[in-house]
Amino acid sequence: MTMLLLTVVLTLFFGISHQTQVELCKNSPPQPYSCPSFTSIQDPKLASNFNISKFIGKSPYYELALHDCTQPKSCGCMRSYKYPSSNPYAFNDNFTLVSPWTEPSSIMSSTPKIYENDLVFNLTSHKGVFEGFWPATVDTIYPDTVVAVSDDNNSEYNWVIEFQCVENEDHLAKFIGVNFYSRSNLGTAADINYEEMLQKSHELGIDFYWNSTSDGLRRVDHTGCFYE
């Protein structure tokens, strides 16, 4: 999810001002480089082998790790449920999280609650590259690249890595988001998925984008989580 998108989400659902959103990202100033092209970060195999049906699947994804300054550390239990749209050239994504979860928050309710928002992603001419839209900001496009997927023969991908990047007016990367999504949220299967995503990130070089900042990559523990 991009910084502007989460600004809208947090403002509408959490009552957080834009200034607070800036505060959440104060340790992530513009980087001394532009956003990478999707071809430079995406597994080359996806150009021909990406399967949108396996990507959407029937089971939800659970966020096992992230590099995203717009998701406060007090949030947890992130889940992404992707499902077909009435538009054959798009899909929907119901993203939910619980807050507060891992630590008390002075800007959110003290009682853990589920917050959700529905996104729409249009397919593009490039496989695994989408244009995201949020109803409250109809004129804004949120780019999203599927960097890698699990290498298996299942009816749906066991895991996927998504990458977002937004530039400022000087064409420098002001926000970078990386999401490790897994069909399993706990146990051995989740641990294996996480390790495979971590290894694939290193192979493709996208670990640079969190290793070059103080925020790093944050692991999400889904123990005790609730989603509905």
C-alpha atoms as a PDB file:
ATOM      1  CA  MET A   1       0.000   0.000   0.000  1.00  0.00           C
ATOM      2  CA  THR A   2       1.407   3.390  -0.916  1.00  0.00           C
ATOM      3  CA  MET A   3       1.986   6.278   1.465  1.00  0.00           C
ATOM      4  CA  LEU A   4      -0.804   8.423   0.017  1.00  0.00           C
ATOM      5  CA  LEU A   5      -3.202   5.491   0.103  1.00  0.00           C
ATOM      6  CA  LEU A   6      -2.473   4.755   3.749  1.00  0.00           C
ATOM      7  CA  THR A   7      -2.791   8.481   4.502  1.00  0.00           C
ATOM      8  CA  VAL A   8      -6.358   8.345   3.239  1.00  0.00           C
ATOM      9  CA  VAL A   9      -7.065   5.063   5.020  1.00  0.00           C
ATOM     10  CA  LEU A  10      -5.633   6.190   8.328  1.00  0.00           C
ATOM     11  CA  THR A  11      -7.368   9.553   8.127  1.00  0.00           C
ATOM     12  CA  LEU A  12     -10.775   8.082   7.280  1.00  0.00           C
ATOM     13  CA  PHE A  13     -10.738   5.104   9.619  1.00  0.00           C
ATOM     14  CA  PHE A  14      -8.298   6.076  12.371  1.00  0.00           C
ATOM     15  CA  GLY A  15      -8.838   9.831  12.431  1.00  0.00           C
ATOM     16  CA  ILE A  16      -5.129  10.470  11.844  1.00  0.00           C
ATOM     17  CA  SER A  17      -4.186  13.770  10.248  1.00  0.00           C
ATOM     18  CA  HIS A  18      -1.826  14.167   7.313  1.00  0.00           C
ATOM     19  CA  GLN A  19       0.726  15.655   9.686  1.00  0.00           C
ATOM     20  CA  THR A  20       0.597  12.500  11.796  1.00  0.00           C
ATOM     21  CA  GLN A  21       1.099  10.439   8.649  1.00  0.00           C
ATOM     22  CA  VAL A  22       4.227  12.465   7.893  1.00  0.00           C
ATOM     23  CA  GLU A  23       5.357  11.795  11.453  1.00  0.00           C
ATOM     24  CA  LEU A  24       4.974   8.050  10.868  1.00  0.00           C
ATOM     25  CA  CYS A  25       7.411   8.322   7.955  1.00  0.00           C
ATOM     26  CA  LYS A  26       9.832  10.845   9.459  1.00  0.00           C
ATOM     27  CA  ASN A  27      12.667   8.303   9.379  1.00  0.00           C
ATOM     28  CA  SER A  28      12.137   7.683   5.667  1.00  0.00           C
ATOM     29  CA  PRO A  29      13.283  10.813   3.804  1.00  0.00           C
ATOM     30  CA  PRO A  30      13.542  10.813  -0.007  1.00  0.00           C
ATOM     31  CA  GLN A  31      16.195   8.413  -1.174  1.00  0.00           C
ATOM     32  CA  PRO A  32      19.112   9.450  -3.443  1.00  0.00           C
ATOM     33  CA  TYR A  33      17.740   7.357  -6.300  1.00  0.00           C
ATOM     34  CA  SER A  34      14.640   7.062  -8.469  1.00  0.00           C
ATOM     35  CA  CYS A  35      12.095   4.256  -8.374  1.00  0.00           C
ATOM     36  CA  PRO A  36      13.331   1.147 -10.171  1.00  0.00           C
ATOM     37  CA  SER A  37      11.674  -0.049 -13.351  1.00  0.00           C
ATOM     38  CA  PHE A  38       9.505  -3.102 -12.828  1.00  0.00           C
ATOM     39  CA  THR A  39      11.703  -5.109 -15.216  1.00  0.00           C
ATOM     40  CA  SER A  40      14.741  -4.493 -13.014  1.00  0.00           C
ATOM     41  CA  ILE A  41      13.152  -5.973  -9.882  1.00  0.00           C
ATOM     42  CA  GLN A  42      10.689  -8.579 -11.169  1.00  0.00           C
ATOM     43  CA  ASP A  43      11.645 -12.226 -11.553  1.00  0.00           C
ATOM     44  CA  PRO A  44      12.158 -12.545 -15.344  1.00  0.00           C
ATOM     45  CA  LYS A  45      10.099 -15.751 -15.394  1.00  0.00           C
ATOM     46  CA  LEU A  46       6.946 -13.818 -14.550  1.00  0.00           C
ATOM     47  CA  ALA A  47       6.976 -12.017 -17.898  1.00  0.00           C
ATOM     48  CA  SER A  48       5.672 -15.230 -19.443  1.00  0.00           C
ATOM     49  CA  ASN A  49       4.652 -17.481 -16.547  1.00  0.00           C
ATOM     50  CA  PHE A  50       2.666 -15.201 -14.235  1.00  0.00           C
ATOM     51  CA  ASN A  51      -0.815 -16.632 -13.642  1.00  0.00           C
ATOM     52  CA  ILE A  52      -3.393 -14.123 -12.458  1.00  0.00           C
ATOM     53  CA  SER A  53      -5.808 -16.882 -11.379  1.00  0.00           C
ATOM     54  CA  LYS A  54      -3.175 -18.471  -9.119  1.00  0.00           C
ATOM     55  CA  PHE A  55      -2.270 -14.998  -7.825  1.00  0.00           C
ATOM     56  CA  ILE A  56      -5.831 -14.181  -6.803  1.00  0.00           C
ATOM     57  CA  GLY A  57      -6.600 -17.738  -5.690  1.00  0.00           C
ATOM     58  CA  LYS A  58      -9.323 -18.508  -3.171  1.00  0.00           C
ATOM     59  CA  SER A  59      -7.434 -18.212   0.123  1.00  0.00           C
ATOM     60  CA  PRO A  60      -6.401 -14.910   1.715  1.00  0.00           C
ATOM     61  CA  TYR A  61      -2.805 -13.773   2.067  1.00  0.00           C
ATOM     62  CA  TYR A  62      -1.258 -12.900   5.425  1.00  0.00           C
ATOM     63  CA  GLU A  63       1.473 -10.305   5.609  1.00  0.00           C
ATOM     64  CA  LEU A  64       4.493 -12.017   7.177  1.00  0.00           C
ATOM     65  CA  ALA A  65       6.929  -9.137   6.756  1.00  0.00           C
ATOM     66  CA  LEU A  66       6.950  -5.597   5.448  1.00  0.00           C
ATOM     67  CA  HIS A  67       9.018  -2.535   4.759  1.00  0.00           C
ATOM     68  CA  ASP A  68       6.435   0.213   4.947  1.00  0.00           C
ATOM     69  CA  CYS A  69       6.673   3.329   7.070  1.00  0.00           C
ATOM     70  CA  THR A  70       2.925   3.945   6.752  1.00  0.00           C
ATOM     71  CA  GLN A  71       1.948   0.841   8.737  1.00  0.00           C
ATOM     72  CA  PRO A  72       2.502   1.795  12.396  1.00  0.00           C
ATOM     73  CA  LYS A  73       4.259  -0.761  14.573  1.00  0.00           C
ATOM     74  CA  SER A  74       1.168  -0.810  16.761  1.00  0.00           C
ATOM     75  CA  CYS A  75      -0.746  -2.503  13.913  1.00  0.00           C
ATOM     76  CA  GLY A  76      -0.799  -6.249  13.335  1.00  0.00           C
ATOM     77  CA  CYS A  77      -2.711  -9.166  11.849  1.00  0.00           C
ATOM     78  CA  MET A  78      -2.484  -7.759   8.312  1.00  0.00           C
ATOM     79  CA  ARG A  79      -4.455  -9.748   5.763  1.00  0.00           C
ATOM     80  CA  SER A  80      -5.007  -9.264   2.036  1.00  0.00           C
ATOM     81  CA  TYR A  81      -8.002 -10.998   0.470  1.00  0.00           C
ATOM     82  CA  LYS A  82      -7.935 -10.684  -3.303  1.00  0.00           C
ATOM     83  CA  TYR A  83     -11.017 -11.607  -5.303  1.00  0.00           C
ATOM     84  CA  PRO A  84     -12.267 -11.240  -8.883  1.00  0.00           C
ATOM     85  CA  SER A  85     -13.906  -8.036 -10.029  1.00  0.00           C
ATOM     86  CA  SER A  86     -16.917  -7.695 -12.306  1.00  0.00           C
ATOM     87  CA  ASN A  87     -14.393  -6.081 -14.633  1.00  0.00           C
ATOM     88  CA  PRO A  88     -12.392  -8.909 -16.267  1.00  0.00           C
ATOM     89  CA  TYR A  89      -9.383  -6.588 -16.496  1.00  0.00           C
ATOM     90  CA  ALA A  90      -9.236  -5.880 -12.756  1.00  0.00           C
ATOM     91  CA  PHE A  91      -9.375  -7.520  -9.332  1.00  0.00           C
ATOM     92  CA  ASN A  92     -10.332  -6.378  -5.841  1.00  0.00           C
ATOM     93  CA  ASP A  93      -8.217  -6.452  -2.703  1.00  0.00           C
ATOM     94  CA  ASN A  94      -9.777  -6.275   0.738  1.00  0.00           C
ATOM     95  CA  PHE A  95      -6.920  -5.277   3.068  1.00  0.00           C
ATOM     96  CA  THR A  96      -7.470  -5.536   6.827  1.00  0.00           C
ATOM     97  CA  LEU A  97      -5.376  -4.971   9.917  1.00  0.00           C
ATOM     98  CA  VAL A  98      -5.893  -4.881  13.674  1.00  0.00           C
ATOM     99  CA  SER A  99      -4.906  -1.888  15.766  1.00  0.00           C
ATOM    100  CA  PRO A 100      -3.564  -1.499  18.307  1.00  0.00           C
ATOM    101  CA  TRP A 101      -1.923  -4.903  18.393  1.00  0.00           C
ATOM    102  CA  THR A 102       1.776  -5.165  19.230  1.00  0.00           C
ATOM    103  CA  GLU A 103       2.073  -2.091  21.442  1.00  0.00           C
ATOM    104  CA  PRO A 104      -0.084   0.706  22.877  1.00  0.00           C
ATOM    105  CA  SER A 105      -0.845   3.589  20.557  1.00  0.00           C
ATOM    106  CA  SER A 106      -1.579   7.174  21.482  1.00  0.00           C
ATOM    107  CA  ILE A 107      -3.263   7.851  18.129  1.00  0.00           C
ATOM    108  CA  MET A 108      -5.654   4.895  17.959  1.00  0.00           C
ATOM    109  CA  SER A 109      -8.267   3.252  20.149  1.00  0.00           C
ATOM    110  CA  SER A 110      -6.886   1.224  23.057  1.00  0.00           C
ATOM    111  CA  THR A 111      -9.214  -1.662  22.163  1.00  0.00           C
ATOM    112  CA  PRO A 112      -7.980  -3.806  19.258  1.00  0.00           C
ATOM    113  CA  LYS A 113     -10.255  -3.357  16.258  1.00  0.00           C
ATOM    114  CA  ILE A 114     -10.275  -4.566  12.668  1.00  0.00           C
ATOM    115  CA  TYR A 115      -9.929  -1.851  10.053  1.00  0.00           C
ATOM    116  CA  GLU A 116     -10.522  -2.608   6.414  1.00  0.00           C
ATOM    117  CA  ASN A 117     -10.443  -0.949   3.029  1.00  0.00           C
ATOM    118  CA  ASP A 118     -11.236  -2.168  -0.452  1.00  0.00           C
ATOM    119  CA  LEU A 119      -8.840  -1.509  -3.298  1.00  0.00           C
ATOM    120  CA  VAL A 120      -9.214  -2.092  -7.016  1.00  0.00           C
ATOM    121  CA  PHE A 121      -6.243  -3.067  -9.184  1.00  0.00           C
ATOM    122  CA  ASN A 122      -6.352  -2.810 -12.946  1.00  0.00           C
ATOM    123  CA  LEU A 123      -4.286  -5.194 -15.011  1.00  0.00           C
ATOM    124  CA  THR A 124      -1.739  -3.690 -17.392  1.00  0.00           C
ATOM    125  CA  SER A 125      -0.068  -4.976 -20.550  1.00  0.00           C
ATOM    126  CA  HIS A 126       2.745  -6.317 -18.350  1.00  0.00           C
ATOM    127  CA  LYS A 127       2.116  -9.487 -16.384  1.00  0.00           C
ATOM    128  CA  GLY A 128       2.228  -8.994 -12.618  1.00  0.00           C
ATOM    129  CA  VAL A 129       2.198  -5.194 -12.893  1.00  0.00           C
ATOM    130  CA  PHE A 130      -0.969  -3.419 -11.750  1.00  0.00           C
ATOM    131  CA  GLU A 131      -2.486   0.023 -11.299  1.00  0.00           C
ATOM    132  CA  GLY A 132      -4.230   0.411  -7.971  1.00  0.00           C
ATOM    133  CA  PHE A 133      -7.161   2.687  -7.215  1.00  0.00           C
ATOM    134  CA  TRP A 134      -8.773   3.849  -3.962  1.00  0.00           C
ATOM    135  CA  PRO A 135     -12.359   5.248  -4.199  1.00  0.00           C
ATOM    136  CA  ALA A 136     -11.517   8.319  -2.095  1.00  0.00           C
ATOM    137  CA  THR A 137      -8.746   9.402  -4.490  1.00  0.00           C
ATOM    138  CA  VAL A 138     -10.146   8.514  -7.891  1.00  0.00           C
ATOM    139  CA  ASP A 139      -7.542  10.514  -9.820  1.00  0.00           C
ATOM    140  CA  THR A 140      -4.535   8.823  -8.212  1.00  0.00           C
ATOM    141  CA  ILE A 141      -2.887   5.667  -9.529  1.00  0.00           C
ATOM    142  CA  TYR A 142      -0.987   3.412  -7.141  1.00  0.00           C
ATOM    143  CA  PRO A 143       1.570   1.216  -8.973  1.00  0.00           C
ATOM    144  CA  ASP A 144       2.108  -2.317  -7.740  1.00  0.00           C
ATOM    145  CA  THR A 145       4.566  -4.917  -9.031  1.00  0.00           C
ATOM    146  CA  VAL A 146       4.531  -8.614  -8.176  1.00  0.00           C
ATOM    147  CA  VAL A 147       8.260  -9.178  -7.773  1.00  0.00           C
ATOM    148  CA  ALA A 148       8.188 -12.956  -7.249  1.00  0.00           C
ATOM    149  CA  VAL A 149       5.847 -15.843  -6.548  1.00  0.00           C
ATOM    150  CA  SER A 150       6.247 -19.314  -5.091  1.00  0.00           C
ATOM    151  CA  ASP A 151       7.559 -21.964  -7.450  1.00  0.00           C
ATOM    152  CA  ASP A 152       5.005 -24.751  -7.125  1.00  0.00           C
ATOM    153  CA  ASN A 153       2.256 -26.591  -8.970  1.00  0.00           C
ATOM    154  CA  ASN A 154      -0.588 -25.699  -6.641  1.00  0.00           C
ATOM    155  CA  SER A 155      -3.841 -24.129  -7.788  1.00  0.00           C
ATOM    156  CA  GLU A 156      -2.797 -20.883  -6.073  1.00  0.00           C
ATOM    157  CA  TYR A 157       0.568 -19.335  -5.237  1.00  0.00           C
ATOM    158  CA  ASN A 158       1.702 -20.130  -1.688  1.00  0.00           C
ATOM    159  CA  TRP A 159       3.380 -16.735  -1.420  1.00  0.00           C
ATOM    160  CA  VAL A 160       3.970 -13.534  -3.363  1.00  0.00           C
ATOM    161  CA  ILE A 161       6.180 -10.476  -2.905  1.00  0.00           C
ATOM    162  CA  GLU A 162       4.704  -7.104  -3.862  1.00  0.00           C
ATOM    163  CA  PHE A 163       6.646  -3.876  -4.354  1.00  0.00           C
ATOM    164  CA  GLN A 164       5.493  -0.253  -4.576  1.00  0.00           C
ATOM    165  CA  CYS A 165       7.468   2.915  -5.165  1.00  0.00           C
ATOM    166  CA  VAL A 166       6.396   6.563  -5.321  1.00  0.00           C
ATOM    167  CA  GLU A 167       8.613   9.442  -6.447  1.00  0.00           C
ATOM    168  CA  ASN A 168       8.592  13.081  -5.399  1.00  0.00           C
ATOM    169  CA  GLU A 169       8.665  16.048  -7.758  1.00  0.00           C
ATOM    170  CA  ASP A 170      12.424  15.622  -8.143  1.00  0.00           C
ATOM    171  CA  HIS A 171      11.949  12.018  -9.293  1.00  0.00           C
ATOM    172  CA  LEU A 172      13.515  10.644  -6.128  1.00  0.00           C
ATOM    173  CA  ALA A 173      11.932   7.711  -4.307  1.00  0.00           C
ATOM    174  CA  LYS A 174       9.981   9.175  -1.388  1.00  0.00           C
ATOM    175  CA  PHE A 175       8.181   5.957  -0.469  1.00  0.00           C
ATOM    176  CA  ILE A 176       9.004   2.296  -0.982  1.00  0.00           C
ATOM    177  CA  GLY A 177       6.721  -0.488   0.161  1.00  0.00           C
ATOM    178  CA  VAL A 178       7.559  -4.183   0.226  1.00  0.00           C
ATOM    179  CA  ASN A 179       5.011  -6.798   1.281  1.00  0.00           C
ATOM    180  CA  PHE A 180       5.683 -10.471   1.998  1.00  0.00           C
ATOM    181  CA  TYR A 181       2.316 -12.214   1.528  1.00  0.00           C
ATOM    182  CA  SER A 182       1.759 -15.863   2.476  1.00  0.00           C
ATOM    183  CA  ARG A 183      -1.282 -18.134   2.346  1.00  0.00           C
ATOM    184  CA  SER A 184      -0.133 -19.553   5.714  1.00  0.00           C
ATOM    185  CA  ASN A 185       0.038 -17.257   8.716  1.00  0.00           C
ATOM    186  CA  LEU A 186       1.617 -19.539  11.322  1.00  0.00           C
ATOM    187  CA  GLY A 187       3.624 -22.722  11.746  1.00  0.00           C
ATOM    188  CA  THR A 188       6.186 -24.475   9.612  1.00  0.00           C
ATOM    189  CA  ALA A 189       4.515 -23.573   6.305  1.00  0.00           C
ATOM    190  CA  ALA A 190       4.584 -19.865   7.150  1.00  0.00           C
ATOM    191  CA  ASP A 191       8.223 -20.054   8.270  1.00  0.00           C
ATOM    192  CA  ILE A 192       9.223 -21.801   5.041  1.00  0.00           C
ATOM    193  CA  ASN A 193       7.341 -19.236   2.958  1.00  0.00           C
ATOM    194  CA  TYR A 194       9.048 -16.383   4.800  1.00  0.00           C
ATOM    195  CA  GLU A 195      12.514 -17.860   4.291  1.00  0.00           C
ATOM    196  CA  GLU A 196      11.829 -18.464   0.592  1.00  0.00           C
ATOM    197  CA  MET A 197      10.652 -14.883   0.133  1.00  0.00           C
ATOM    198  CA  LEU A 198      13.692 -13.584   1.980  1.00  0.00           C
ATOM    199  CA  GLN A 199      16.010 -15.631  -0.228  1.00  0.00           C
ATOM    200  CA  LYS A 200      14.229 -14.561  -3.419  1.00  0.00           C
ATOM    201  CA  SER A 201      14.447 -10.919  -2.354  1.00  0.00           C
ATOM    202  CA  HIS A 202      18.198 -11.305  -1.972  1.00  0.00           C
ATOM    203  CA  GLU A 203      18.497 -12.988  -5.366  1.00  0.00           C
ATOM    204  CA  LEU A 204      16.549 -10.208  -7.086  1.00  0.00           C
ATOM    205  CA  GLY A 205      18.287  -7.451  -5.136  1.00  0.00           C
ATOM    206  CA  ILE A 206      15.215  -5.834  -3.623  1.00  0.00           C
ATOM    207  CA  ASP A 207      16.626  -6.336  -0.119  1.00  0.00           C
ATOM    208  CA  PHE A 208      18.695  -3.260  -0.971  1.00  0.00           C
ATOM    209  CA  TYR A 209      15.601  -1.126  -0.488  1.00  0.00           C
ATOM    210  CA  TRP A 210      15.192  -2.024   3.174  1.00  0.00           C
ATOM    211  CA  ASN A 211      18.842  -2.602   3.997  1.00  0.00           C
ATOM    212  CA  SER A 212      19.643   0.950   2.895  1.00  0.00           C
ATOM    213  CA  THR A 213      17.310   2.438   5.547  1.00  0.00           C
ATOM    214  CA  SER A 214      17.072   2.298   9.318  1.00  0.00           C
ATOM    215  CA  ASP A 215      13.546   0.844   9.117  1.00  0.00           C
ATOM    216  CA  GLY A 216      14.704  -2.492   7.741  1.00  0.00           C
ATOM    217  CA  LEU A 217      12.275  -5.359   7.199  1.00  0.00           C
ATOM    218  CA  ARG A 218       9.687  -5.925   9.938  1.00  0.00           C
ATOM    219  CA  ARG A 219       8.510  -9.468  10.669  1.00  0.00           C
ATOM    220  CA  VAL A 220       4.834  -9.840  11.615  1.00  0.00           C
ATOM    221  CA  ASP A 221       3.831 -12.425  14.226  1.00  0.00           C
ATOM    222  CA  HIS A 222       0.250 -13.630  13.680  1.00  0.00           C
ATOM    223  CA  THR A 223       0.030 -15.557  16.948  1.00  0.00           C
ATOM    224  CA  GLY A 224      -3.380 -14.905  18.498  1.00  0.00           C
ATOM    225  CA  CYS A 225      -4.591 -12.821  15.568  1.00  0.00           C
ATOM    226  CA  PHE A 226      -8.225 -12.406  14.590  1.00  0.00           C
ATOM    227  CA  TYR A 227      -9.390 -11.322  11.137  1.00  0.00           C
ATOM    228  CA  GLU A 228     -13.167 -11.120  11.285  1.00  0.00           C
END
